[in-house]
Amino acid sequence: MNGLPAEPRVIHIITNLSYAITGHTASGGAYGQDIGIGDKHGVLAAGHYVDSLRKVNGNWRFVRREIVIQLQDTPRARGRPSVTPKRR
């Protein structure tokens, strides 16, 4: 994502959150898009999240988050892998 313009020229939109909850654990994800609103406008990046969560002291916490980039319209995107794992 390093090739994207600096904020606030990009709006990050998260949609279609869907999680299956089993006791104190949950798994699921959401879709995400980065929309350019400045000199470079339109969809700059799109993909989805694959999440695992655990409930700790009444609050949901990320155990793992994988970000799967399916579209990245930046010069730095060429030659990069499409899956970037992120851990929290």
PDB file of N, CA and C in Angstrom:
ATOM      1  N   MET A   1       0.819  -1.195   0.000  1.00  0.00           N
ATOM      2  CA  MET A   1       0.000   0.000   0.000  1.00  0.00           C
ATOM      3  C   MET A   1       0.867   1.264   0.000  1.00  0.00           C
ATOM      4  N   ASN A   2       2.193   1.100   0.019  1.00  0.00           N
ATOM      5  CA  ASN A   2       3.082   2.256   0.089  1.00  0.00           C
ATOM      6  C   ASN A   2       2.936   3.205  -1.088  1.00  0.00           C
ATOM      7  N   GLY A   3       2.457   2.729  -2.223  1.00  0.00           N
ATOM      8  CA  GLY A   3       2.338   3.575  -3.398  1.00  0.00           C
ATOM      9  C   GLY A   3       1.090   4.427  -3.427  1.00  0.00           C
ATOM     10  N   LEU A   4       0.204   4.278  -2.457  1.00  0.00           N
ATOM     11  CA  LEU A   4      -1.030   5.071  -2.437  1.00  0.00           C
ATOM     12  C   LEU A   4      -0.752   6.489  -1.976  1.00  0.00           C
ATOM     13  N   PRO A   5      -1.526   7.457  -2.450  1.00  0.00           N
ATOM     14  CA  PRO A   5      -1.346   8.844  -1.988  1.00  0.00           C
ATOM     15  C   PRO A   5      -1.577   8.940  -0.485  1.00  0.00           C
ATOM     16  N   ALA A   6      -0.967   9.939   0.138  1.00  0.00           N
ATOM     17  CA  ALA A   6      -1.123  10.152   1.577  1.00  0.00           C
ATOM     18  C   ALA A   6      -2.539  10.622   1.906  1.00  0.00           C
ATOM     19  N   GLU A   7      -2.988  10.318   3.118  1.00  0.00           N
ATOM     20  CA  GLU A   7      -4.295  10.791   3.588  1.00  0.00           C
ATOM     21  C   GLU A   7      -4.292  12.303   3.555  1.00  0.00           C
ATOM     22  N   PRO A   8      -5.373  13.005   3.387  1.00  0.00           N
ATOM     23  CA  PRO A   8      -6.732  12.493   3.255  1.00  0.00           C
ATOM     24  C   PRO A   8      -7.162  12.292   1.808  1.00  0.00           C
ATOM     25  N   ARG A   9      -6.241  12.062   0.929  1.00  0.00           N
ATOM     26  CA  ARG A   9      -6.574  11.910  -0.483  1.00  0.00           C
ATOM     27  C   ARG A   9      -7.085  10.521  -0.816  1.00  0.00           C
ATOM     28  N   VAL A  10      -7.121   9.632   0.176  1.00  0.00           N
ATOM     29  CA  VAL A  10      -7.614   8.276  -0.024  1.00  0.00           C
ATOM     30  C   VAL A  10      -8.650   7.974   1.059  1.00  0.00           C
ATOM     31  N   ILE A  11      -9.781   7.430   0.644  1.00  0.00           N
ATOM     32  CA  ILE A  11     -10.815   6.999   1.580  1.00  0.00           C
ATOM     33  C   ILE A  11     -10.794   5.474   1.593  1.00  0.00           C
ATOM     34  N   HIS A  12     -10.677   4.882   2.785  1.00  0.00           N
ATOM     35  CA  HIS A  12     -10.675   3.423   2.920  1.00  0.00           C
ATOM     36  C   HIS A  12     -12.083   2.993   3.316  1.00  0.00           C
ATOM     37  N   ILE A  13     -12.713   2.165   2.493  1.00  0.00           N
ATOM     38  CA  ILE A  13     -14.089   1.723   2.716  1.00  0.00           C
ATOM     39  C   ILE A  13     -14.082   0.232   3.039  1.00  0.00           C
ATOM     40  N   ILE A  14     -14.738  -0.130   4.141  1.00  0.00           N
ATOM     41  CA  ILE A  14     -14.878  -1.536   4.562  1.00  0.00           C
ATOM     42  C   ILE A  14     -16.350  -1.903   4.417  1.00  0.00           C
ATOM     43  N   THR A  15     -16.642  -3.036   3.747  1.00  0.00           N
ATOM     44  CA  THR A  15     -18.034  -3.443   3.541  1.00  0.00           C
ATOM     45  C   THR A  15     -18.208  -4.939   3.785  1.00  0.00           C
ATOM     46  N   ASN A  16     -19.453  -5.341   3.875  1.00  0.00           N
ATOM     47  CA  ASN A  16     -19.874  -6.744   3.935  1.00  0.00           C
ATOM     48  C   ASN A  16     -19.162  -7.538   5.024  1.00  0.00           C
ATOM     49  N   LEU A  17     -19.091  -6.975   6.216  1.00  0.00           N
ATOM     50  CA  LEU A  17     -18.514  -7.699   7.339  1.00  0.00           C
ATOM     51  C   LEU A  17     -19.374  -8.917   7.639  1.00  0.00           C
ATOM     52  N   SER A  18     -18.743 -10.063   7.791  1.00  0.00           N
ATOM     53  CA  SER A  18     -19.472 -11.298   8.066  1.00  0.00           C
ATOM     54  C   SER A  18     -18.593 -12.195   8.936  1.00  0.00           C
ATOM     55  N   TYR A  19     -19.102 -12.524  10.142  1.00  0.00           N
ATOM     56  CA  TYR A  19     -18.340 -13.343  11.083  1.00  0.00           C
ATOM     57  C   TYR A  19     -19.212 -14.452  11.650  1.00  0.00           C
ATOM     58  N   ALA A  20     -18.621 -15.619  11.818  1.00  0.00           N
ATOM     59  CA  ALA A  20     -19.277 -16.740  12.486  1.00  0.00           C
ATOM     60  C   ALA A  20     -18.719 -16.797  13.904  1.00  0.00           C
ATOM     61  N   ILE A  21     -19.611 -16.715  14.890  1.00  0.00           N
ATOM     62  CA  ILE A  21     -19.212 -16.695  16.288  1.00  0.00           C
ATOM     63  C   ILE A  21     -19.498 -18.054  16.917  1.00  0.00           C
ATOM     64  N   THR A  22     -18.470 -18.603  17.575  1.00  0.00           N
ATOM     65  CA  THR A  22     -18.597 -19.854  18.309  1.00  0.00           C
ATOM     66  C   THR A  22     -18.007 -19.618  19.690  1.00  0.00           C
ATOM     67  N   GLY A  23     -18.867 -19.428  20.677  1.00  0.00           N
ATOM     68  CA  GLY A  23     -18.381 -19.148  22.027  1.00  0.00           C
ATOM     69  C   GLY A  23     -17.596 -17.861  22.085  1.00  0.00           C
ATOM     70  N   HIS A  24     -16.322 -17.959  22.469  1.00  0.00           N
ATOM     71  CA  HIS A  24     -15.461 -16.783  22.594  1.00  0.00           C
ATOM     72  C   HIS A  24     -14.502 -16.621  21.420  1.00  0.00           C
ATOM     73  N   THR A  25     -14.792 -17.288  20.295  1.00  0.00           N
ATOM     74  CA  THR A  25     -13.973 -17.119  19.095  1.00  0.00           C
ATOM     75  C   THR A  25     -14.877 -16.769  17.919  1.00  0.00           C
ATOM     76  N   ALA A  26     -14.292 -16.123  16.936  1.00  0.00           N
ATOM     77  CA  ALA A  26     -15.031 -15.762  15.730  1.00  0.00           C
ATOM     78  C   ALA A  26     -14.079 -15.808  14.546  1.00  0.00           C
ATOM     79  N   SER A  27     -14.632 -16.122  13.369  1.00  0.00           N
ATOM     80  CA  SER A  27     -13.845 -16.088  12.141  1.00  0.00           C
ATOM     81  C   SER A  27     -14.722 -15.505  11.046  1.00  0.00           C
ATOM     82  N   GLY A  28     -14.084 -14.860  10.100  1.00  0.00           N
ATOM     83  CA  GLY A  28     -14.826 -14.237   9.001  1.00  0.00           C
ATOM     84  C   GLY A  28     -13.982 -13.196   8.323  1.00  0.00           C
ATOM     85  N   GLY A  29     -14.635 -12.141   7.857  1.00  0.00           N
ATOM     86  CA  GLY A  29     -13.882 -11.100   7.181  1.00  0.00           C
ATOM     87  C   GLY A  29     -14.764 -10.023   6.603  1.00  0.00           C
ATOM     88  N   ALA A  30     -14.180  -9.250   5.707  1.00  0.00           N
ATOM     89  CA  ALA A  30     -14.851  -8.115   5.092  1.00  0.00           C
ATOM     90  C   ALA A  30     -14.136  -7.775   3.790  1.00  0.00           C
ATOM     91  N   TYR A  31     -14.776  -6.950   2.997  1.00  0.00           N
ATOM     92  CA  TYR A  31     -14.169  -6.429   1.781  1.00  0.00           C
ATOM     93  C   TYR A  31     -13.674  -5.009   2.042  1.00  0.00           C
ATOM     94  N   GLY A  32     -12.638  -4.601   1.327  1.00  0.00           N
ATOM     95  CA  GLY A  32     -12.111  -3.254   1.493  1.00  0.00           C
ATOM     96  C   GLY A  32     -11.707  -2.656   0.159  1.00  0.00           C
ATOM     97  N   GLN A  33     -11.846  -1.337   0.074  1.00  0.00           N
ATOM     98  CA  GLN A  33     -11.414  -0.592  -1.114  1.00  0.00           C
ATOM     99  C   GLN A  33     -10.757   0.704  -0.672  1.00  0.00           C
ATOM    100  N   ASP A  34      -9.749   1.130  -1.407  1.00  0.00           N
ATOM    101  CA  ASP A  34      -9.161   2.453  -1.244  1.00  0.00           C
ATOM    102  C   ASP A  34      -9.572   3.270  -2.453  1.00  0.00           C
ATOM    103  N   ILE A  35     -10.284   4.362  -2.200  1.00  0.00           N
ATOM    104  CA  ILE A  35     -10.794   5.230  -3.258  1.00  0.00           C
ATOM    105  C   ILE A  35      -9.988   6.526  -3.246  1.00  0.00           C
ATOM    106  N   GLY A  36      -9.364   6.851  -4.368  1.00  0.00           N
ATOM    107  CA  GLY A  36      -8.629   8.104  -4.497  1.00  0.00           C
ATOM    108  C   GLY A  36      -9.589   9.250  -4.757  1.00  0.00           C
ATOM    109  N   ILE A  37      -9.369  10.374  -4.071  1.00  0.00           N
ATOM    110  CA  ILE A  37     -10.252  11.535  -4.242  1.00  0.00           C
ATOM    111  C   ILE A  37      -9.483  12.784  -4.654  1.00  0.00           C
ATOM    112  N   GLY A  38      -8.197  12.631  -4.959  1.00  0.00           N
ATOM    113  CA  GLY A  38      -7.384  13.776  -5.345  1.00  0.00           C
ATOM    114  C   GLY A  38      -7.002  13.704  -6.807  1.00  0.00           C
ATOM    115  N   ASP A  39      -5.718  13.957  -7.066  1.00  0.00           N
ATOM    116  CA  ASP A  39      -5.206  13.922  -8.433  1.00  0.00           C
ATOM    117  C   ASP A  39      -5.426  12.551  -9.076  1.00  0.00           C
ATOM    118  N   LYS A  40      -5.223  11.504  -8.297  1.00  0.00           N
ATOM    119  CA  LYS A  40      -5.476  10.147  -8.782  1.00  0.00           C
ATOM    120  C   LYS A  40      -6.782   9.695  -8.144  1.00  0.00           C
ATOM    121  N   HIS A  41      -7.828   9.554  -8.934  1.00  0.00           N
ATOM    122  CA  HIS A  41      -9.133   9.222  -8.375  1.00  0.00           C
ATOM    123  C   HIS A  41      -9.640   7.895  -8.931  1.00  0.00           C
ATOM    124  N   GLY A  42     -10.586   7.321  -8.220  1.00  0.00           N
ATOM    125  CA  GLY A  42     -11.133   6.020  -8.583  1.00  0.00           C
ATOM    126  C   GLY A  42     -10.638   4.965  -7.609  1.00  0.00           C
ATOM    127  N   VAL A  43     -10.890   3.705  -7.919  1.00  0.00           N
ATOM    128  CA  VAL A  43     -10.469   2.603  -7.053  1.00  0.00           C
ATOM    129  C   VAL A  43      -8.966   2.384  -7.233  1.00  0.00           C
ATOM    130  N   LEU A  44      -8.206   2.603  -6.162  1.00  0.00           N
ATOM    131  CA  LEU A  44      -6.758   2.434  -6.201  1.00  0.00           C
ATOM    132  C   LEU A  44      -6.337   1.050  -5.734  1.00  0.00           C
ATOM    133  N   ALA A  45      -7.122   0.475  -4.829  1.00  0.00           N
ATOM    134  CA  ALA A  45      -6.822  -0.866  -4.321  1.00  0.00           C
ATOM    135  C   ALA A  45      -8.116  -1.501  -3.838  1.00  0.00           C
ATOM    136  N   ALA A  46      -8.191  -2.827  -3.942  1.00  0.00           N
ATOM    137  CA  ALA A  46      -9.362  -3.560  -3.456  1.00  0.00           C
ATOM    138  C   ALA A  46      -8.923  -4.951  -3.044  1.00  0.00           C
ATOM    139  N   GLY A  47      -9.625  -5.492  -2.078  1.00  0.00           N
ATOM    140  CA  GLY A  47      -9.318  -6.833  -1.613  1.00  0.00           C
ATOM    141  C   GLY A  47     -10.244  -7.221  -0.486  1.00  0.00           C
ATOM    142  N   HIS A  48      -9.786  -8.175   0.311  1.00  0.00           N
ATOM    143  CA  HIS A  48     -10.609  -8.594   1.443  1.00  0.00           C
ATOM    144  C   HIS A  48      -9.731  -8.988   2.626  1.00  0.00           C
ATOM    145  N   TYR A  49     -10.358  -9.028   3.793  1.00  0.00           N
ATOM    146  CA  TYR A  49      -9.709  -9.408   5.034  1.00  0.00           C
ATOM    147  C   TYR A  49     -10.162 -10.813   5.429  1.00  0.00           C
ATOM    148  N   VAL A  50      -9.254 -11.597   5.967  1.00  0.00           N
ATOM    149  CA  VAL A  50      -9.567 -12.906   6.541  1.00  0.00           C
ATOM    150  C   VAL A  50      -9.158 -12.809   8.012  1.00  0.00           C
ATOM    151  N   ASP A  51     -10.148 -12.865   8.906  1.00  0.00           N
ATOM    152  CA  ASP A  51      -9.917 -12.576  10.317  1.00  0.00           C
ATOM    153  C   ASP A  51     -10.222 -13.743  11.236  1.00  0.00           C
ATOM    154  N   SER A  52      -9.467 -13.801  12.337  1.00  0.00           N
ATOM    155  CA  SER A  52      -9.755 -14.667  13.476  1.00  0.00           C
ATOM    156  C   SER A  52      -9.759 -13.757  14.704  1.00  0.00           C
ATOM    157  N   LEU A  53     -10.802 -13.886  15.536  1.00  0.00           N
ATOM    158  CA  LEU A  53     -10.928 -13.045  16.713  1.00  0.00           C
ATOM    159  C   LEU A  53     -11.176 -13.897  17.952  1.00  0.00           C
ATOM    160  N   ARG A  54     -10.896 -13.307  19.109  1.00  0.00           N
ATOM    161  CA  ARG A  54     -11.158 -13.965  20.391  1.00  0.00           C
ATOM    162  C   ARG A  54     -11.724 -12.906  21.342  1.00  0.00           C
ATOM    163  N   LYS A  55     -12.719 -13.296  22.123  1.00  0.00           N
ATOM    164  CA  LYS A  55     -13.319 -12.394  23.099  1.00  0.00           C
ATOM    165  C   LYS A  55     -12.509 -12.452  24.392  1.00  0.00           C
ATOM    166  N   VAL A  56     -11.992 -11.288  24.818  1.00  0.00           N
ATOM    167  CA  VAL A  56     -11.165 -11.180  26.011  1.00  0.00           C
ATOM    168  C   VAL A  56     -11.756 -10.100  26.901  1.00  0.00           C
ATOM    169  N   ASN A  57     -12.130 -10.468  28.109  1.00  0.00           N
ATOM    170  CA  ASN A  57     -12.718  -9.513  29.055  1.00  0.00           C
ATOM    171  C   ASN A  57     -13.888  -8.743  28.446  1.00  0.00           C
ATOM    172  N   GLY A  58     -14.713  -9.438  27.675  1.00  0.00           N
ATOM    173  CA  GLY A  58     -15.899  -8.827  27.090  1.00  0.00           C
ATOM    174  C   GLY A  58     -15.669  -8.047  25.806  1.00  0.00           C
ATOM    175  N   ASN A  59     -14.434  -7.986  25.316  1.00  0.00           N
ATOM    176  CA  ASN A  59     -14.110  -7.243  24.097  1.00  0.00           C
ATOM    177  C   ASN A  59     -13.527  -8.180  23.046  1.00  0.00           C
ATOM    178  N   TRP A  60     -13.914  -7.978  21.795  1.00  0.00           N
ATOM    179  CA  TRP A  60     -13.379  -8.779  20.694  1.00  0.00           C
ATOM    180  C   TRP A  60     -12.018  -8.234  20.299  1.00  0.00           C
ATOM    181  N   ARG A  61     -11.038  -9.138  20.198  1.00  0.00           N
ATOM    182  CA  ARG A  61      -9.661  -8.785  19.824  1.00  0.00           C
ATOM    183  C   ARG A  61      -9.239  -9.627  18.624  1.00  0.00           C
ATOM    184  N   PHE A  62      -8.492  -9.001  17.719  1.00  0.00           N
ATOM    185  CA  PHE A  62      -7.955  -9.742  16.582  1.00  0.00           C
ATOM    186  C   PHE A  62      -6.860 -10.680  17.055  1.00  0.00           C
ATOM    187  N   VAL A  63      -6.948 -11.934  16.654  1.00  0.00           N
ATOM    188  CA  VAL A  63      -5.886 -12.902  16.867  1.00  0.00           C
ATOM    189  C   VAL A  63      -5.014 -12.930  15.616  1.00  0.00           C
ATOM    190  N   ARG A  64      -5.657 -12.819  14.478  1.00  0.00           N
ATOM    191  CA  ARG A  64      -4.957 -12.832  13.182  1.00  0.00           C
ATOM    192  C   ARG A  64      -5.778 -12.066  12.171  1.00  0.00           C
ATOM    193  N   ARG A  65      -5.104 -11.301  11.317  1.00  0.00           N
ATOM    194  CA  ARG A  65      -5.757 -10.622  10.198  1.00  0.00           C
ATOM    195  C   ARG A  65      -4.872 -10.769   8.980  1.00  0.00           C
ATOM    196  N   GLU A  66      -5.431 -11.352   7.923  1.00  0.00           N
ATOM    197  CA  GLU A  66      -4.732 -11.480   6.652  1.00  0.00           C
ATOM    198  C   GLU A  66      -5.403 -10.525   5.676  1.00  0.00           C
ATOM    199  N   ILE A  67      -4.605  -9.728   4.985  1.00  0.00           N
ATOM    200  CA  ILE A  67      -5.129  -8.805   3.992  1.00  0.00           C
ATOM    201  C   ILE A  67      -4.785  -9.362   2.617  1.00  0.00           C
ATOM    202  N   VAL A  68      -5.805  -9.666   1.841  1.00  0.00           N
ATOM    203  CA  VAL A  68      -5.622 -10.210   0.503  1.00  0.00           C
ATOM    204  C   VAL A  68      -5.898  -9.085  -0.494  1.00  0.00           C
ATOM    205  N   ILE A  69      -4.858  -8.622  -1.173  1.00  0.00           N
ATOM    206  CA  ILE A  69      -4.992  -7.541  -2.155  1.00  0.00           C
ATOM    207  C   ILE A  69      -5.322  -8.175  -3.501  1.00  0.00           C
ATOM    208  N   GLN A  70      -6.468  -7.804  -4.064  1.00  0.00           N
ATOM    209  CA  GLN A  70      -6.893  -8.349  -5.357  1.00  0.00           C
ATOM    210  C   GLN A  70      -6.697  -7.352  -6.488  1.00  0.00           C
ATOM    211  N   LEU A  71      -6.576  -6.078  -6.157  1.00  0.00           N
ATOM    212  CA  LEU A  71      -6.333  -5.034  -7.153  1.00  0.00           C
ATOM    213  C   LEU A  71      -5.527  -3.944  -6.480  1.00  0.00           C
ATOM    214  N   GLN A  72      -4.438  -3.537  -7.121  1.00  0.00           N
ATOM    215  CA  GLN A  72      -3.671  -2.411  -6.611  1.00  0.00           C
ATOM    216  C   GLN A  72      -3.161  -1.623  -7.802  1.00  0.00           C
ATOM    217  N   ASP A  73      -3.689  -0.439  -7.978  1.00  0.00           N
ATOM    218  CA  ASP A  73      -3.381   0.391  -9.134  1.00  0.00           C
ATOM    219  C   ASP A  73      -2.343   1.453  -8.765  1.00  0.00           C
ATOM    220  N   THR A  74      -1.111   0.995  -8.488  1.00  0.00           N
ATOM    221  CA  THR A  74      -0.015   1.908  -8.196  1.00  0.00           C
ATOM    222  C   THR A  74       1.240   1.387  -8.867  1.00  0.00           C
ATOM    223  N   PRO A  75       2.197   2.251  -9.177  1.00  0.00           N
ATOM    224  CA  PRO A  75       3.437   1.788  -9.809  1.00  0.00           C
ATOM    225  C   PRO A  75       4.201   0.790  -8.953  1.00  0.00           C
ATOM    226  N   ARG A  76       4.171   0.935  -7.623  1.00  0.00           N
ATOM    227  CA  ARG A  76       4.911   0.037  -6.745  1.00  0.00           C
ATOM    228  C   ARG A  76       4.279  -1.347  -6.660  1.00  0.00           C
ATOM    229  N   ALA A  77       3.045  -1.501  -7.125  1.00  0.00           N
ATOM    230  CA  ALA A  77       2.348  -2.787  -7.007  1.00  0.00           C
ATOM    231  C   ALA A  77       2.934  -3.845  -7.931  1.00  0.00           C
ATOM    232  N   ARG A  78       3.582  -3.447  -9.004  1.00  0.00           N
ATOM    233  CA  ARG A  78       4.081  -4.422  -9.966  1.00  0.00           C
ATOM    234  C   ARG A  78       5.135  -5.316  -9.323  1.00  0.00           C
ATOM    235  N   GLY A  79       4.954  -6.616  -9.462  1.00  0.00           N
ATOM    236  CA  GLY A  79       5.912  -7.564  -8.930  1.00  0.00           C
ATOM    237  C   GLY A  79       5.705  -7.932  -7.474  1.00  0.00           C
ATOM    238  N   ARG A  80       4.698  -7.379  -6.808  1.00  0.00           N
ATOM    239  CA  ARG A  80       4.429  -7.715  -5.418  1.00  0.00           C
ATOM    240  C   ARG A  80       3.493  -8.906  -5.322  1.00  0.00           C
ATOM    241  N   PRO A  81       3.604  -9.689  -4.240  1.00  0.00           N
ATOM    242  CA  PRO A  81       2.651 -10.790  -4.054  1.00  0.00           C
ATOM    243  C   PRO A  81       1.260 -10.238  -3.775  1.00  0.00           C
ATOM    244  N   SER A  82       0.243 -11.020  -4.096  1.00  0.00           N
ATOM    245  CA  SER A  82      -1.134 -10.562  -3.914  1.00  0.00           C
ATOM    246  C   SER A  82      -1.640 -10.768  -2.498  1.00  0.00           C
ATOM    247  N   VAL A  83      -0.921 -11.520  -1.670  1.00  0.00           N
ATOM    248  CA  VAL A  83      -1.362 -11.778  -0.306  1.00  0.00           C
ATOM    249  C   VAL A  83      -0.317 -11.202   0.659  1.00  0.00           C
ATOM    250  N   THR A  84      -0.761 -10.318   1.553  1.00  0.00           N
ATOM    251  CA  THR A  84       0.112  -9.722   2.539  1.00  0.00           C
ATOM    252  C   THR A  84      -0.436 -10.041   3.918  1.00  0.00           C
ATOM    253  N   PRO A  85       0.146 -10.998   4.654  1.00  0.00           N
ATOM    254  CA  PRO A  85      -0.385 -11.326   5.977  1.00  0.00           C
ATOM    255  C   PRO A  85      -0.061 -10.223   6.977  1.00  0.00           C
ATOM    256  N   LYS A  86      -1.036  -9.885   7.813  1.00  0.00           N
ATOM    257  CA  LYS A  86      -0.851  -8.905   8.873  1.00  0.00           C
ATOM    258  C   LYS A  86      -1.250  -9.570  10.181  1.00  0.00           C
ATOM    259  N   ARG A  87      -0.434  -9.425  11.182  1.00  0.00           N
ATOM    260  CA  ARG A  87      -0.759  -9.990  12.492  1.00  0.00           C
ATOM    261  C   ARG A  87      -0.891  -8.861  13.501  1.00  0.00           C
ATOM    262  N   ARG A  88      -1.841  -9.015  14.412  1.00  0.00           N
ATOM    263  CA  ARG A  88      -2.047  -8.035  15.481  1.00  0.00           C
ATOM    264  C   ARG A  88      -1.938  -8.717  16.805  1.00  0.00           C
TER     265      ARG A  88
END
